[in-house]
Amino acid sequence: MGLDISVLYRAVDEEGNTVDFLLTARRDKAAAKRFFVKAMKTNGTPERVTMDKSGANKAALDDINDELTTPILVRQVKYLNNIVEQDHRFIKRITKPMLNFKSFHAARKILAGIELMHMIRKGQLKLEDTENMSFAQQFYALAGQLRSA
């Protein structure tokens, strides 16, 4: 019996580029806040966030807004997050046949690799001399840079 993954938080910008992702064991306010803080630390504070009707996400953003001088506009509308849902479909298509993961650690590593390949496919990898490389070649070029760092 494998580990059933609870939540893969994902943020996508208006153009469909992956902003950030975080795998958590629970979908609660603390996990949602951890994700938003992580995404904002890397990418800056957004003007607005569109999300589903999750109470945990809303509560986390309300906490974050309490600490900001200019609050983030939060839009909770079922159909306005279609960009995220369409992008998330790719990840679900890859992970569904896997059924479950044996451990949380394994799930984190595998999902990070899947997200990385998805970002490469979307043209988000900005390495020198990669414009004429295949997706696999870009992945190996990035792995080579990480190994030498």
C-alpha atoms as a PDB file:
ATOM      1  CA  MET A   1       0.000   0.000   0.000  1.00  0.00           C
ATOM      2  CA  GLY A   2       1.421   3.369  -1.014  1.00  0.00           C
ATOM      3  CA  LEU A   3       1.162   6.888   0.282  1.00  0.00           C
ATOM      4  CA  ASP A   4      -1.872   8.802  -0.979  1.00  0.00           C
ATOM      5  CA  ILE A   5      -0.738  12.381  -1.595  1.00  0.00           C
ATOM      6  CA  SER A   6      -3.033  14.970  -0.074  1.00  0.00           C
ATOM      7  CA  VAL A   7      -2.128  18.282  -1.678  1.00  0.00           C
ATOM      8  CA  LEU A   8       0.100  19.571  -4.418  1.00  0.00           C
ATOM      9  CA  TYR A   9      -0.102  23.362  -4.227  1.00  0.00           C
ATOM     10  CA  ARG A  10       0.672  25.039  -7.551  1.00  0.00           C
ATOM     11  CA  ALA A  11       0.759  28.668  -8.642  1.00  0.00           C
ATOM     12  CA  VAL A  12       0.584  29.688 -12.293  1.00  0.00           C
ATOM     13  CA  ASP A  13       0.801  33.240 -13.645  1.00  0.00           C
ATOM     14  CA  GLU A  14      -1.452  34.861 -16.264  1.00  0.00           C
ATOM     15  CA  GLU A  15       0.614  33.449 -19.139  1.00  0.00           C
ATOM     16  CA  GLY A  16       0.451  29.915 -17.762  1.00  0.00           C
ATOM     17  CA  ASN A  17       4.030  29.858 -16.460  1.00  0.00           C
ATOM     18  CA  THR A  18       4.586  27.868 -13.281  1.00  0.00           C
ATOM     19  CA  VAL A  19       5.377  30.264 -10.446  1.00  0.00           C
ATOM     20  CA  ASP A  20       5.910  27.729  -7.670  1.00  0.00           C
ATOM     21  CA  PHE A  21       4.727  24.410  -6.247  1.00  0.00           C
ATOM     22  CA  LEU A  22       4.755  22.695  -2.870  1.00  0.00           C
ATOM     23  CA  LEU A  23       3.750  19.201  -1.821  1.00  0.00           C
ATOM     24  CA  THR A  24       2.143  18.959   1.617  1.00  0.00           C
ATOM     25  CA  ALA A  25       0.614  16.147   3.619  1.00  0.00           C
ATOM     26  CA  ARG A  26      -2.461  18.203   4.559  1.00  0.00           C
ATOM     27  CA  ARG A  27      -4.648  20.895   3.058  1.00  0.00           C
ATOM     28  CA  ASP A  28      -4.879  23.322   5.944  1.00  0.00           C
ATOM     29  CA  LYS A  29      -4.229  26.973   6.701  1.00  0.00           C
ATOM     30  CA  ALA A  30      -0.625  26.392   7.840  1.00  0.00           C
ATOM     31  CA  ALA A  31       0.287  24.500   4.649  1.00  0.00           C
ATOM     32  CA  ALA A  32      -1.414  27.089   2.438  1.00  0.00           C
ATOM     33  CA  LYS A  33       0.373  29.937   4.204  1.00  0.00           C
ATOM     34  CA  ARG A  34       3.711  28.117   3.893  1.00  0.00           C
ATOM     35  CA  PHE A  35       3.100  27.796   0.136  1.00  0.00           C
ATOM     36  CA  PHE A  36       2.097  31.451  -0.380  1.00  0.00           C
ATOM     37  CA  VAL A  37       5.057  32.738   1.652  1.00  0.00           C
ATOM     38  CA  LYS A  38       7.424  30.470  -0.304  1.00  0.00           C
ATOM     39  CA  ALA A  39       6.008  31.613  -3.662  1.00  0.00           C
ATOM     40  CA  MET A  40       6.130  35.301  -2.695  1.00  0.00           C
ATOM     41  CA  LYS A  41       9.681  35.021  -1.362  1.00  0.00           C
ATOM     42  CA  THR A  42      10.834  33.806  -4.774  1.00  0.00           C
ATOM     43  CA  ASN A  43       8.543  35.793  -7.067  1.00  0.00           C
ATOM     44  CA  GLY A  44       7.394  38.862  -5.143  1.00  0.00           C
ATOM     45  CA  THR A  45       3.988  39.805  -3.796  1.00  0.00           C
ATOM     46  CA  PRO A  46       1.207  39.582  -6.380  1.00  0.00           C
ATOM     47  CA  GLU A  47      -1.478  42.239  -6.824  1.00  0.00           C
ATOM     48  CA  ARG A  48      -4.217  39.604  -6.958  1.00  0.00           C
ATOM     49  CA  VAL A  49      -4.680  35.877  -6.486  1.00  0.00           C
ATOM     50  CA  THR A  50      -7.437  33.827  -8.109  1.00  0.00           C
ATOM     51  CA  MET A  51      -8.217  30.513  -6.472  1.00  0.00           C
ATOM     52  CA  ASP A  52     -10.916  27.948  -5.878  1.00  0.00           C
ATOM     53  CA  LYS A  53     -13.287  28.054  -2.918  1.00  0.00           C
ATOM     54  CA  SER A  54     -10.777  26.546  -0.465  1.00  0.00           C
ATOM     55  CA  GLY A  55     -11.255  27.953   3.004  1.00  0.00           C
ATOM     56  CA  ALA A  56      -7.674  27.088   3.967  1.00  0.00           C
ATOM     57  CA  ASN A  57      -6.245  29.139   1.092  1.00  0.00           C
ATOM     58  CA  LYS A  58      -8.485  32.105   1.890  1.00  0.00           C
ATOM     59  CA  ALA A  59      -7.605  31.987   5.592  1.00  0.00           C
ATOM     60  CA  ALA A  60      -3.884  31.870   4.784  1.00  0.00           C
ATOM     61  CA  LEU A  61      -4.118  34.862   2.445  1.00  0.00           C
ATOM     62  CA  ASP A  62      -6.172  36.765   5.029  1.00  0.00           C
ATOM     63  CA  ASP A  63      -3.320  36.211   7.528  1.00  0.00           C
ATOM     64  CA  ILE A  64      -0.767  37.374   4.972  1.00  0.00           C
ATOM     65  CA  ASN A  65      -2.872  40.421   4.082  1.00  0.00           C
ATOM     66  CA  ASP A  66      -2.982  41.409   7.763  1.00  0.00           C
ATOM     67  CA  GLU A  67       0.811  41.780   7.637  1.00  0.00           C
ATOM     68  CA  LEU A  68       0.940  43.775   4.352  1.00  0.00           C
ATOM     69  CA  THR A  69       0.513  47.515   3.851  1.00  0.00           C
ATOM     70  CA  THR A  70      -1.122  46.949   0.437  1.00  0.00           C
ATOM     71  CA  PRO A  71      -3.311  43.839   0.624  1.00  0.00           C
ATOM     72  CA  ILE A  72      -3.505  41.232  -2.112  1.00  0.00           C
ATOM     73  CA  LEU A  73      -6.858  41.137  -3.900  1.00  0.00           C
ATOM     74  CA  VAL A  74      -8.279  37.640  -3.368  1.00  0.00           C
ATOM     75  CA  ARG A  75     -10.765  36.333  -5.924  1.00  0.00           C
ATOM     76  CA  GLN A  76     -12.439  33.052  -5.051  1.00  0.00           C
ATOM     77  CA  VAL A  77     -14.375  32.071  -8.142  1.00  0.00           C
ATOM     78  CA  LYS A  78     -14.782  28.497  -9.289  1.00  0.00           C
ATOM     79  CA  TYR A  79     -14.184  29.154 -12.984  1.00  0.00           C
ATOM     80  CA  LEU A  80     -11.544  31.908 -12.877  1.00  0.00           C
ATOM     81  CA  ASN A  81      -8.742  29.513 -11.973  1.00  0.00           C
ATOM     82  CA  ASN A  82      -9.006  27.550 -15.243  1.00  0.00           C
ATOM     83  CA  ILE A  83      -5.388  28.402 -16.165  1.00  0.00           C
ATOM     84  CA  VAL A  84      -4.211  26.623 -13.013  1.00  0.00           C
ATOM     85  CA  GLU A  85      -6.586  23.704 -13.527  1.00  0.00           C
ATOM     86  CA  GLN A  86      -5.558  23.222 -17.162  1.00  0.00           C
ATOM     87  CA  ASP A  87      -1.883  23.328 -16.206  1.00  0.00           C
ATOM     88  CA  HIS A  88      -2.510  20.946 -13.295  1.00  0.00           C
ATOM     89  CA  ARG A  89      -4.107  18.427 -15.683  1.00  0.00           C
ATOM     90  CA  PHE A  90      -0.632  17.607 -17.069  1.00  0.00           C
ATOM     91  CA  ILE A  91       0.679  16.674 -13.617  1.00  0.00           C
ATOM     92  CA  LYS A  92      -2.390  14.552 -12.842  1.00  0.00           C
ATOM     93  CA  ARG A  93      -2.038  12.718 -16.177  1.00  0.00           C
ATOM     94  CA  ILE A  94       1.529  11.703 -15.283  1.00  0.00           C
ATOM     95  CA  THR A  95       0.941  10.781 -11.633  1.00  0.00           C
ATOM     96  CA  LYS A  96      -2.413   8.980 -11.892  1.00  0.00           C
ATOM     97  CA  PRO A  97      -0.945   5.778 -13.438  1.00  0.00           C
ATOM     98  CA  MET A  98       1.593   5.675 -10.581  1.00  0.00           C
ATOM     99  CA  LEU A  99      -1.351   5.018  -8.212  1.00  0.00           C
ATOM    100  CA  ASN A 100       0.472   6.033  -5.044  1.00  0.00           C
ATOM    101  CA  PHE A 101       3.953   6.720  -3.733  1.00  0.00           C
ATOM    102  CA  LYS A 102       5.737   4.595  -1.144  1.00  0.00           C
ATOM    103  CA  SER A 103       6.875   7.577   0.916  1.00  0.00           C
ATOM    104  CA  PHE A 104       6.397  11.308   1.179  1.00  0.00           C
ATOM    105  CA  HIS A 105      10.101  11.812   0.415  1.00  0.00           C
ATOM    106  CA  ALA A 106       9.802   9.810  -2.824  1.00  0.00           C
ATOM    107  CA  ALA A 107       6.672  11.721  -3.815  1.00  0.00           C
ATOM    108  CA  ARG A 108       8.429  15.048  -3.252  1.00  0.00           C
ATOM    109  CA  LYS A 109      11.393  14.081  -5.435  1.00  0.00           C
ATOM    110  CA  ILE A 110       9.320  12.573  -8.246  1.00  0.00           C
ATOM    111  CA  LEU A 111       6.866  15.474  -8.360  1.00  0.00           C
ATOM    112  CA  ALA A 112       9.714  18.009  -8.375  1.00  0.00           C
ATOM    113  CA  GLY A 113      11.162  16.245 -11.435  1.00  0.00           C
ATOM    114  CA  ILE A 114       7.782  16.148 -13.168  1.00  0.00           C
ATOM    115  CA  GLU A 115       7.245  19.858 -12.447  1.00  0.00           C
ATOM    116  CA  LEU A 116      10.737  20.646 -13.757  1.00  0.00           C
ATOM    117  CA  MET A 117      10.111  18.786 -17.020  1.00  0.00           C
ATOM    118  CA  HIS A 118       6.760  20.557 -17.386  1.00  0.00           C
ATOM    119  CA  MET A 119       8.450  23.928 -16.916  1.00  0.00           C
ATOM    120  CA  ILE A 120      11.081  23.009 -19.525  1.00  0.00           C
ATOM    121  CA  ARG A 121       8.312  22.048 -21.990  1.00  0.00           C
ATOM    122  CA  LYS A 122       6.665  25.409 -21.413  1.00  0.00           C
ATOM    123  CA  GLY A 123       9.939  27.170 -22.248  1.00  0.00           C
ATOM    124  CA  GLN A 124      10.585  28.444 -18.735  1.00  0.00           C
ATOM    125  CA  LEU A 125      14.184  27.168 -18.524  1.00  0.00           C
ATOM    126  CA  LYS A 126      16.528  30.067 -19.183  1.00  0.00           C
ATOM    127  CA  LEU A 127      19.928  28.455 -19.672  1.00  0.00           C
ATOM    128  CA  GLU A 128      22.503  29.695 -22.134  1.00  0.00           C
ATOM    129  CA  ASP A 129      22.532  27.893 -25.529  1.00  0.00           C
ATOM    130  CA  THR A 130      19.420  25.769 -24.841  1.00  0.00           C
ATOM    131  CA  GLU A 131      17.132  27.164 -27.551  1.00  0.00           C
ATOM    132  CA  ASN A 132      18.103  24.411 -30.049  1.00  0.00           C
ATOM    133  CA  MET A 133      18.104  21.572 -27.505  1.00  0.00           C
ATOM    134  CA  SER A 134      15.416  18.947 -27.001  1.00  0.00           C
ATOM    135  CA  PHE A 135      13.580  18.835 -23.666  1.00  0.00           C
ATOM    136  CA  ALA A 136      15.739  15.912 -22.527  1.00  0.00           C
ATOM    137  CA  GLN A 137      18.957  17.705 -23.527  1.00  0.00           C
ATOM    138  CA  GLN A 138      17.846  20.793 -21.563  1.00  0.00           C
ATOM    139  CA  PHE A 139      17.126  18.607 -18.539  1.00  0.00           C
ATOM    140  CA  TYR A 140      20.580  16.986 -18.720  1.00  0.00           C
ATOM    141  CA  ALA A 141      22.244  20.396 -19.227  1.00  0.00           C
ATOM    142  CA  LEU A 142      20.534  21.644 -16.077  1.00  0.00           C
ATOM    143  CA  ALA A 143      21.479  18.486 -14.168  1.00  0.00           C
ATOM    144  CA  GLY A 144      25.092  18.954 -15.258  1.00  0.00           C
ATOM    145  CA  GLN A 145      25.106  22.518 -13.976  1.00  0.00           C
ATOM    146  CA  LEU A 146      23.624  21.439 -10.655  1.00  0.00           C
ATOM    147  CA  ARG A 147      26.162  18.651 -10.251  1.00  0.00           C
ATOM    148  CA  SER A 148      29.095  21.010 -10.870  1.00  0.00           C
ATOM    149  CA  ALA A 149      27.743  23.667  -8.470  1.00  0.00           C
END
